[in-house]
């Protein structure tokens, strides 16, 4: 899609459904009929390196084998699940039924999209048909994500660098440290769908005691020898 949707600032207080929809539909998603893929998964942190095998099925469910460390197994599976869930193609009307979208201010991040109706309390920012900020209530927490760089696949964009921070919905106090992500995507052999090849996650400590079994610091997830499922 072109970036013409936001060529002129959207006046605060006006309906911005069309502009938000353009950014929503500009996200890269897998085509219907996605058949799944598999490969080698590698987790690295400092001097530690753990390797296993994984597969993401046509049902978008991920399975990981060959990693005995429970925390690492969970971390690798979590990355694959997050990638798959964000590649699901859902019509705008299905995802945002019952929501209204009103423009707020515009800053360097983008134009604020204030959600009303069913998703009241959620907010976004959009710029050049890209969702540059997400502020959503999820499972009793608020997650705020800022996207700073994207990859244009020619069939939609993928977030390349972004940060994530959880906070308390009532007080606004942060929960846990901020995490920074750098994602690298490649298409599967044969012109297949774009999938995650590497994710670097840097988790900042928040001064609290880490949850038992959790992993903090700098982690590298690599997904190699990628091939479609046959």
Foldseek 3Di string as FASTA:
>chain_A
DFLVLPPDPDDFFDFDVVLLLLLVQQAAAADPPAAWKWFKKWKDDDPDIAIWIKIQGSVRQIDTDDGPQPLVRVVQNVVSSVQSVSRDDDRPCVVQPQKTWGWHDQDPQAIKTQIDGPQHPWIFGDGSSHTQWTWGDDPQKTKIKGADDWDRPVRHIDGAKMKIWIAGSPPRHTDFFIKIKGWDWDAAPPRHHIDTAKIWIAGDGPPDDDDPSHDHGIMMMGGDPMHGDD
